Amino acid sequence: MKTIDRRRLVRGLLFGAGAASLALTPGAAMAMPLDDRLPGALDDWVDKAQVVVVGPGPRRRRRVRRCWWHRGRRVCGWRWV
């Protein structure tokens, strides 16, 4: 049984991926022409979008015990967050 060479394996994977990407490029595929009456037939299926803007609203504040530095000293107390 042959040992697997990592470089050969990676080279094969990259070559296969490159060949597949060249085969699937947009230039290789042709666009399907649409019928002229198709957009009118889809009007019953399409709903108009309505925009609803919701703001953050009032933020609930609470008191927590925190420590901070004031003039080189550590001060602990209650702060509103």
PDB file of N, CA and C in Angstrom:
ATOM      1  N   MET A   1       0.845  -1.182   0.000  1.00  0.00           N
ATOM      2  CA  MET A   1       0.000   0.000   0.000  1.00  0.00           C
ATOM      3  C   MET A   1       0.889   1.243   0.000  1.00  0.00           C
ATOM      4  N   LYS A   2       0.515   2.228  -0.806  1.00  0.00           N
ATOM      5  CA  LYS A   2       1.285   3.463  -0.916  1.00  0.00           C
ATOM      6  C   LYS A   2       1.003   4.382   0.264  1.00  0.00           C
ATOM      7  N   THR A   3       2.020   5.098   0.693  1.00  0.00           N
ATOM      8  CA  THR A   3       1.796   6.101   1.734  1.00  0.00           C
ATOM      9  C   THR A   3       1.224   7.357   1.082  1.00  0.00           C
ATOM     10  N   ILE A   4       0.441   8.091   1.841  1.00  0.00           N
ATOM     11  CA  ILE A   4      -0.217   9.291   1.314  1.00  0.00           C
ATOM     12  C   ILE A   4       0.738  10.469   1.462  1.00  0.00           C
ATOM     13  N   ASP A   5       1.013  11.136   0.360  1.00  0.00           N
ATOM     14  CA  ASP A   5       1.848  12.320   0.372  1.00  0.00           C
ATOM     15  C   ASP A   5       0.933  13.531   0.533  1.00  0.00           C
ATOM     16  N   ARG A   6       1.144  14.313   1.574  1.00  0.00           N
ATOM     17  CA  ARG A   6       0.264  15.442   1.848  1.00  0.00           C
ATOM     18  C   ARG A   6       0.311  16.481   0.734  1.00  0.00           C
ATOM     19  N   ARG A   7       1.492  16.752   0.229  1.00  0.00           N
ATOM     20  CA  ARG A   7       1.604  17.757  -0.828  1.00  0.00           C
ATOM     21  C   ARG A   7       0.850  17.326  -2.076  1.00  0.00           C
ATOM     22  N   ARG A   8       0.953  16.071  -2.431  1.00  0.00           N
ATOM     23  CA  ARG A   8       0.255  15.581  -3.609  1.00  0.00           C
ATOM     24  C   ARG A   8      -1.258  15.623  -3.385  1.00  0.00           C
ATOM     25  N   LEU A   9      -1.693  15.296  -2.170  1.00  0.00           N
ATOM     26  CA  LEU A   9      -3.124  15.329  -1.857  1.00  0.00           C
ATOM     27  C   LEU A   9      -3.666  16.751  -1.950  1.00  0.00           C
ATOM     28  N   VAL A  10      -2.959  17.711  -1.344  1.00  0.00           N
ATOM     29  CA  VAL A  10      -3.427  19.103  -1.378  1.00  0.00           C
ATOM     30  C   VAL A  10      -3.393  19.639  -2.807  1.00  0.00           C
ATOM     31  N   ARG A  11      -2.359  19.298  -3.568  1.00  0.00           N
ATOM     32  CA  ARG A  11      -2.265  19.732  -4.950  1.00  0.00           C
ATOM     33  C   ARG A  11      -3.433  19.190  -5.760  1.00  0.00           C
ATOM     34  N   GLY A  12      -3.800  17.941  -5.528  1.00  0.00           N
ATOM     35  CA  GLY A  12      -4.931  17.354  -6.231  1.00  0.00           C
ATOM     36  C   GLY A  12      -6.248  18.019  -5.868  1.00  0.00           C
ATOM     37  N   LEU A  13      -6.425  18.342  -4.566  1.00  0.00           N
ATOM     38  CA  LEU A  13      -7.651  19.017  -4.146  1.00  0.00           C
ATOM     39  C   LEU A  13      -7.748  20.412  -4.753  1.00  0.00           C
ATOM     40  N   LEU A  14      -6.640  21.146  -4.732  1.00  0.00           N
ATOM     41  CA  LEU A  14      -6.662  22.490  -5.305  1.00  0.00           C
ATOM     42  C   LEU A  14      -6.895  22.459  -6.808  1.00  0.00           C
ATOM     43  N   PHE A  15      -6.279  21.526  -7.485  1.00  0.00           N
ATOM     44  CA  PHE A  15      -6.483  21.416  -8.921  1.00  0.00           C
ATOM     45  C   PHE A  15      -7.938  21.062  -9.232  1.00  0.00           C
ATOM     46  N   GLY A  16      -8.522  20.156  -8.455  1.00  0.00           N
ATOM     47  CA  GLY A  16      -9.925  19.785  -8.672  1.00  0.00           C
ATOM     48  C   GLY A  16     -10.872  20.934  -8.397  1.00  0.00           C
ATOM     49  N   ALA A  17     -10.581  21.718  -7.335  1.00  0.00           N
ATOM     50  CA  ALA A  17     -11.431  22.869  -7.033  1.00  0.00           C
ATOM     51  C   ALA A  17     -11.296  23.937  -8.111  1.00  0.00           C
ATOM     52  N   GLY A  18     -10.080  24.116  -8.633  1.00  0.00           N
ATOM     53  CA  GLY A  18      -9.884  25.098  -9.701  1.00  0.00           C
ATOM     54  C   GLY A  18     -10.596  24.695 -10.977  1.00  0.00           C
ATOM     55  N   ALA A  19     -10.533  23.418 -11.299  1.00  0.00           N
ATOM     56  CA  ALA A  19     -11.216  22.945 -12.505  1.00  0.00           C
ATOM     57  C   ALA A  19     -12.732  23.069 -12.355  1.00  0.00           C
ATOM     58  N   ALA A  20     -13.246  22.793 -11.153  1.00  0.00           N
ATOM     59  CA  ALA A  20     -14.686  22.910 -10.924  1.00  0.00           C
ATOM     60  C   ALA A  20     -15.133  24.367 -10.996  1.00  0.00           C
ATOM     61  N   SER A  21     -14.309  25.295 -10.477  1.00  0.00           N
ATOM     62  CA  SER A  21     -14.705  26.705 -10.522  1.00  0.00           C
ATOM     63  C   SER A  21     -14.681  27.234 -11.953  1.00  0.00           C
ATOM     64  N   LEU A  22     -13.743  26.751 -12.775  1.00  0.00           N
ATOM     65  CA  LEU A  22     -13.735  27.183 -14.170  1.00  0.00           C
ATOM     66  C   LEU A  22     -14.935  26.645 -14.934  1.00  0.00           C
ATOM     67  N   ALA A  23     -15.384  25.461 -14.567  1.00  0.00           N
ATOM     68  CA  ALA A  23     -16.530  24.876 -15.255  1.00  0.00           C
ATOM     69  C   ALA A  23     -17.832  25.565 -14.867  1.00  0.00           C
ATOM     70  N   LEU A  24     -17.872  26.171 -13.688  1.00  0.00           N
ATOM     71  CA  LEU A  24     -19.109  26.781 -13.198  1.00  0.00           C
ATOM     72  C   LEU A  24     -19.100  28.303 -13.272  1.00  0.00           C
ATOM     73  N   THR A  25     -18.238  28.878 -14.089  1.00  0.00           N
ATOM     74  CA  THR A  25     -18.196  30.338 -14.198  1.00  0.00           C
ATOM     75  C   THR A  25     -19.463  30.851 -14.862  1.00  0.00           C
ATOM     76  N   PRO A  26     -19.832  32.111 -14.585  1.00  0.00           N
ATOM     77  CA  PRO A  26     -21.056  32.649 -15.187  1.00  0.00           C
ATOM     78  C   PRO A  26     -21.003  32.699 -16.713  1.00  0.00           C
ATOM     79  N   GLY A  27     -19.844  32.807 -17.296  1.00  0.00           N
ATOM     80  CA  GLY A  27     -19.755  32.845 -18.752  1.00  0.00           C
ATOM     81  C   GLY A  27     -20.132  31.512 -19.374  1.00  0.00           C
ATOM     82  N   ALA A  28     -19.940  30.419 -18.641  1.00  0.00           N
ATOM     83  CA  ALA A  28     -20.248  29.105 -19.182  1.00  0.00           C
ATOM     84  C   ALA A  28     -21.752  28.830 -19.160  1.00  0.00           C
ATOM     85  N   ALA A  29     -22.461  29.427 -18.244  1.00  0.00           N
ATOM     86  CA  ALA A  29     -23.902  29.193 -18.138  1.00  0.00           C
ATOM     87  C   ALA A  29     -24.649  30.312 -18.846  1.00  0.00           C
ATOM     88  N   MET A  30     -25.728  29.972 -19.539  1.00  0.00           N
ATOM     89  CA  MET A  30     -26.540  30.973 -20.214  1.00  0.00           C
ATOM     90  C   MET A  30     -27.767  31.264 -19.373  1.00  0.00           C
ATOM     91  N   ALA A  31     -28.203  32.507 -19.410  1.00  0.00           N
ATOM     92  CA  ALA A  31     -29.370  32.905 -18.644  1.00  0.00           C
ATOM     93  C   ALA A  31     -30.628  32.408 -19.330  1.00  0.00           C
ATOM     94  N   MET A  32     -31.600  32.034 -18.526  1.00  0.00           N
ATOM     95  CA  MET A  32     -32.870  31.561 -19.066  1.00  0.00           C
ATOM     96  C   MET A  32     -33.753  32.767 -19.378  1.00  0.00           C
ATOM     97  N   PRO A  33     -34.258  32.903 -20.584  1.00  0.00           N
ATOM     98  CA  PRO A  33     -35.098  34.064 -20.907  1.00  0.00           C
ATOM     99  C   PRO A  33     -36.449  33.966 -20.183  1.00  0.00           C
ATOM    100  N   LEU A  34     -36.920  35.106 -19.720  1.00  0.00           N
ATOM    101  CA  LEU A  34     -38.203  35.151 -19.019  1.00  0.00           C
ATOM    102  C   LEU A  34     -39.313  35.517 -20.000  1.00  0.00           C
ATOM    103  N   ASP A  35     -40.472  35.010 -19.724  1.00  0.00           N
ATOM    104  CA  ASP A  35     -41.635  35.323 -20.540  1.00  0.00           C
ATOM    105  C   ASP A  35     -42.105  36.740 -20.205  1.00  0.00           C
ATOM    106  N   ASP A  36     -42.637  37.477 -21.176  1.00  0.00           N
ATOM    107  CA  ASP A  36     -43.073  38.853 -20.948  1.00  0.00           C
ATOM    108  C   ASP A  36     -44.269  38.932 -20.007  1.00  0.00           C
ATOM    109  N   ARG A  37     -45.105  37.933 -19.989  1.00  0.00           N
ATOM    110  CA  ARG A  37     -46.291  37.983 -19.134  1.00  0.00           C
ATOM    111  C   ARG A  37     -46.032  37.446 -17.739  1.00  0.00           C
ATOM    112  N   LEU A  38     -44.839  36.964 -17.475  1.00  0.00           N
ATOM    113  CA  LEU A  38     -44.534  36.384 -16.170  1.00  0.00           C
ATOM    114  C   LEU A  38     -44.584  37.399 -15.028  1.00  0.00           C
ATOM    115  N   PRO A  39     -44.005  38.622 -15.145  1.00  0.00           N
ATOM    116  CA  PRO A  39     -44.085  39.558 -14.017  1.00  0.00           C
ATOM    117  C   PRO A  39     -45.511  39.934 -13.656  1.00  0.00           C
ATOM    118  N   GLY A  40     -46.393  40.068 -14.638  1.00  0.00           N
ATOM    119  CA  GLY A  40     -47.792  40.388 -14.347  1.00  0.00           C
ATOM    120  C   GLY A  40     -48.500  39.244 -13.637  1.00  0.00           C
ATOM    121  N   ALA A  41     -48.123  38.021 -13.930  1.00  0.00           N
ATOM    122  CA  ALA A  41     -48.758  36.873 -13.294  1.00  0.00           C
ATOM    123  C   ALA A  41     -48.321  36.726 -11.842  1.00  0.00           C
ATOM    124  N   LEU A  42     -47.169  37.283 -11.493  1.00  0.00           N
ATOM    125  CA  LEU A  42     -46.668  37.158 -10.119  1.00  0.00           C
ATOM    126  C   LEU A  42     -47.150  38.262  -9.200  1.00  0.00           C
ATOM    127  N   ASP A  43     -47.917  39.225  -9.719  1.00  0.00           N
ATOM    128  CA  ASP A  43     -48.389  40.331  -8.875  1.00  0.00           C
ATOM    129  C   ASP A  43     -49.289  39.852  -7.747  1.00  0.00           C
ATOM    130  N   ASP A  44     -50.045  38.786  -7.951  1.00  0.00           N
ATOM    131  CA  ASP A  44     -50.919  38.275  -6.900  1.00  0.00           C
ATOM    132  C   ASP A  44     -50.111  37.643  -5.765  1.00  0.00           C
ATOM    133  N   TRP A  45     -48.902  37.206  -6.049  1.00  0.00           N
ATOM    134  CA  TRP A  45     -48.071  36.526  -5.050  1.00  0.00           C
ATOM    135  C   TRP A  45     -47.229  37.501  -4.232  1.00  0.00           C
ATOM    136  N   VAL A  46     -47.086  38.742  -4.715  1.00  0.00           N
ATOM    137  CA  VAL A  46     -46.197  39.698  -4.067  1.00  0.00           C
ATOM    138  C   VAL A  46     -47.007  40.600  -3.147  1.00  0.00           C
ATOM    139  N   ASP A  47     -46.545  40.758  -1.906  1.00  0.00           N
ATOM    140  CA  ASP A  47     -47.161  41.679  -0.950  1.00  0.00           C
ATOM    141  C   ASP A  47     -46.274  42.900  -0.805  1.00  0.00           C
ATOM    142  N   LYS A  48     -46.887  44.048  -0.562  1.00  0.00           N
ATOM    143  CA  LYS A  48     -46.131  45.261  -0.339  1.00  0.00           C
ATOM    144  C   LYS A  48     -45.540  45.216   1.072  1.00  0.00           C
ATOM    145  N   ALA A  49     -44.312  45.645   1.188  1.00  0.00           N
ATOM    146  CA  ALA A  49     -43.642  45.659   2.489  1.00  0.00           C
ATOM    147  C   ALA A  49     -44.001  46.926   3.236  1.00  0.00           C
ATOM    148  N   GLN A  50     -44.169  46.815   4.543  1.00  0.00           N
ATOM    149  CA  GLN A  50     -44.462  47.958   5.390  1.00  0.00           C
ATOM    150  C   GLN A  50     -43.347  48.079   6.414  1.00  0.00           C
ATOM    151  N   VAL A  51     -42.803  49.279   6.530  1.00  0.00           N
ATOM    152  CA  VAL A  51     -41.669  49.494   7.417  1.00  0.00           C
ATOM    153  C   VAL A  51     -42.182  49.891   8.795  1.00  0.00           C
ATOM    154  N   VAL A  52     -41.666  49.218   9.818  1.00  0.00           N
ATOM    155  CA  VAL A  52     -41.988  49.557  11.198  1.00  0.00           C
ATOM    156  C   VAL A  52     -40.674  49.841  11.902  1.00  0.00           C
ATOM    157  N   VAL A  53     -40.527  51.086  12.375  1.00  0.00           N
ATOM    158  CA  VAL A  53     -39.296  51.470  13.058  1.00  0.00           C
ATOM    159  C   VAL A  53     -39.557  51.425  14.553  1.00  0.00           C
ATOM    160  N   VAL A  54     -38.800  50.590  15.222  1.00  0.00           N
ATOM    161  CA  VAL A  54     -38.961  50.445  16.662  1.00  0.00           C
ATOM    162  C   VAL A  54     -37.701  50.969  17.323  1.00  0.00           C
ATOM    163  N   GLY A  55     -37.855  51.963  18.165  1.00  0.00           N
ATOM    164  CA  GLY A  55     -36.710  52.548  18.859  1.00  0.00           C
ATOM    165  C   GLY A  55     -36.324  51.730  20.080  1.00  0.00           C
ATOM    166  N   PRO A  56     -35.218  52.099  20.697  1.00  0.00           N
ATOM    167  CA  PRO A  56     -34.776  51.349  21.867  1.00  0.00           C
ATOM    168  C   PRO A  56     -35.684  51.542  23.074  1.00  0.00           C
ATOM    169  N   GLY A  57     -36.455  52.608  23.088  1.00  0.00           N
ATOM    170  CA  GLY A  57     -37.370  52.833  24.194  1.00  0.00           C
ATOM    171  C   GLY A  57     -36.632  53.317  25.430  1.00  0.00           C
ATOM    172  N   PRO A  58     -37.361  53.523  26.514  1.00  0.00           N
ATOM    173  CA  PRO A  58     -36.701  53.980  27.743  1.00  0.00           C
ATOM    174  C   PRO A  58     -35.829  52.868  28.336  1.00  0.00           C
ATOM    175  N   ARG A  59     -34.608  53.245  28.675  1.00  0.00           N
ATOM    176  CA  ARG A  59     -33.687  52.275  29.241  1.00  0.00           C
ATOM    177  C   ARG A  59     -33.918  52.154  30.731  1.00  0.00           C
ATOM    178  N   ARG A  60     -34.008  50.955  31.205  1.00  0.00           N
ATOM    179  CA  ARG A  60     -34.217  50.744  32.633  1.00  0.00           C
ATOM    180  C   ARG A  60     -32.892  50.918  33.346  1.00  0.00           C
ATOM    181  N   ARG A  61     -32.876  51.762  34.322  1.00  0.00           N
ATOM    182  CA  ARG A  61     -31.658  52.009  35.077  1.00  0.00           C
ATOM    183  C   ARG A  61     -31.761  51.294  36.413  1.00  0.00           C
ATOM    184  N   ARG A  62     -30.612  50.876  36.909  1.00  0.00           N
ATOM    185  CA  ARG A  62     -30.576  50.203  38.202  1.00  0.00           C
ATOM    186  C   ARG A  62     -29.333  50.621  38.943  1.00  0.00           C
ATOM    187  N   ARG A  63     -29.338  50.443  40.224  1.00  0.00           N
ATOM    188  CA  ARG A  63     -28.186  50.793  41.042  1.00  0.00           C
ATOM    189  C   ARG A  63     -27.350  49.554  41.290  1.00  0.00           C
ATOM    190  N   VAL A  64     -26.052  49.696  41.110  1.00  0.00           N
ATOM    191  CA  VAL A  64     -25.124  48.601  41.361  1.00  0.00           C
ATOM    192  C   VAL A  64     -23.969  49.122  42.192  1.00  0.00           C
ATOM    193  N   ARG A  65     -23.340  48.237  42.904  1.00  0.00           N
ATOM    194  CA  ARG A  65     -22.183  48.614  43.714  1.00  0.00           C
ATOM    195  C   ARG A  65     -20.928  48.424  42.861  1.00  0.00           C
ATOM    196  N   ARG A  66     -20.200  49.515  42.636  1.00  0.00           N
ATOM    197  CA  ARG A  66     -18.999  49.500  41.807  1.00  0.00           C
ATOM    198  C   ARG A  66     -17.884  50.238  42.515  1.00  0.00           C
ATOM    199  N   CYS A  67     -16.665  49.932  42.085  1.00  0.00           N
ATOM    200  CA  CYS A  67     -15.486  50.634  42.582  1.00  0.00           C
ATOM    201  C   CYS A  67     -14.829  51.373  41.422  1.00  0.00           C
ATOM    202  N   TRP A  68     -14.264  52.566  41.716  1.00  0.00           N
ATOM    203  CA  TRP A  68     -13.586  53.356  40.707  1.00  0.00           C
ATOM    204  C   TRP A  68     -12.436  54.108  41.369  1.00  0.00           C
ATOM    205  N   TRP A  69     -11.584  54.676  40.530  1.00  0.00           N
ATOM    206  CA  TRP A  69     -10.437  55.417  41.018  1.00  0.00           C
ATOM    207  C   TRP A  69     -10.759  56.901  41.007  1.00  0.00           C
ATOM    208  N   HIS A  70     -10.477  57.563  42.133  1.00  0.00           N
ATOM    209  CA  HIS A  70     -10.697  59.001  42.235  1.00  0.00           C
ATOM    210  C   HIS A  70      -9.473  59.614  42.911  1.00  0.00           C
ATOM    211  N   ARG A  71      -8.722  60.417  42.174  1.00  0.00           N
ATOM    212  CA  ARG A  71      -7.521  61.095  42.661  1.00  0.00           C
ATOM    213  C   ARG A  71      -6.513  60.119  43.263  1.00  0.00           C
ATOM    214  N   GLY A  72      -6.322  58.994  42.561  1.00  0.00           N
ATOM    215  CA  GLY A  72      -5.323  58.028  42.990  1.00  0.00           C
ATOM    216  C   GLY A  72      -5.766  57.074  44.069  1.00  0.00           C
ATOM    217  N   ARG A  73      -6.989  57.169  44.473  1.00  0.00           N
ATOM    218  CA  ARG A  73      -7.500  56.254  45.496  1.00  0.00           C
ATOM    219  C   ARG A  73      -8.705  55.497  44.980  1.00  0.00           C
ATOM    220  N   ARG A  74      -8.857  54.321  45.493  1.00  0.00           N
ATOM    221  CA  ARG A  74      -9.997  53.508  45.098  1.00  0.00           C
ATOM    222  C   ARG A  74     -11.183  53.837  45.985  1.00  0.00           C
ATOM    223  N   VAL A  75     -12.323  54.140  45.327  1.00  0.00           N
ATOM    224  CA  VAL A  75     -13.538  54.503  46.022  1.00  0.00           C
ATOM    225  C   VAL A  75     -14.617  53.522  45.589  1.00  0.00           C
ATOM    226  N   CYS A  76     -15.341  52.960  46.547  1.00  0.00           N
ATOM    227  CA  CYS A  76     -16.437  52.041  46.225  1.00  0.00           C
ATOM    228  C   CYS A  76     -17.748  52.668  46.662  1.00  0.00           C
ATOM    229  N   GLY A  77     -18.783  52.450  45.878  1.00  0.00           N
ATOM    230  CA  GLY A  77     -20.083  52.998  46.217  1.00  0.00           C
ATOM    231  C   GLY A  77     -21.128  52.565  45.217  1.00  0.00           C
ATOM    232  N   TRP A  78     -22.300  53.124  45.366  1.00  0.00           N
ATOM    233  CA  TRP A  78     -23.409  52.790  44.495  1.00  0.00           C
ATOM    234  C   TRP A  78     -23.407  53.701  43.288  1.00  0.00           C
ATOM    235  N   ARG A  79     -23.588  53.135  42.114  1.00  0.00           N
ATOM    236  CA  ARG A  79     -23.653  53.890  40.865  1.00  0.00           C
ATOM    237  C   ARG A  79     -24.894  53.490  40.097  1.00  0.00           C
ATOM    238  N   TRP A  80     -25.449  54.441  39.330  1.00  0.00           N
ATOM    239  CA  TRP A  80     -26.560  54.143  38.433  1.00  0.00           C
ATOM    240  C   TRP A  80     -25.985  53.611  37.117  1.00  0.00           C
ATOM    241  N   VAL A  81     -26.523  52.493  36.660  1.00  0.00           N
ATOM    242  CA  VAL A  81     -26.088  51.895  35.404  1.00  0.00           C
ATOM    243  C   VAL A  81     -27.273  51.799  34.481  1.00  0.00           C
TER     244      VAL A  81
END
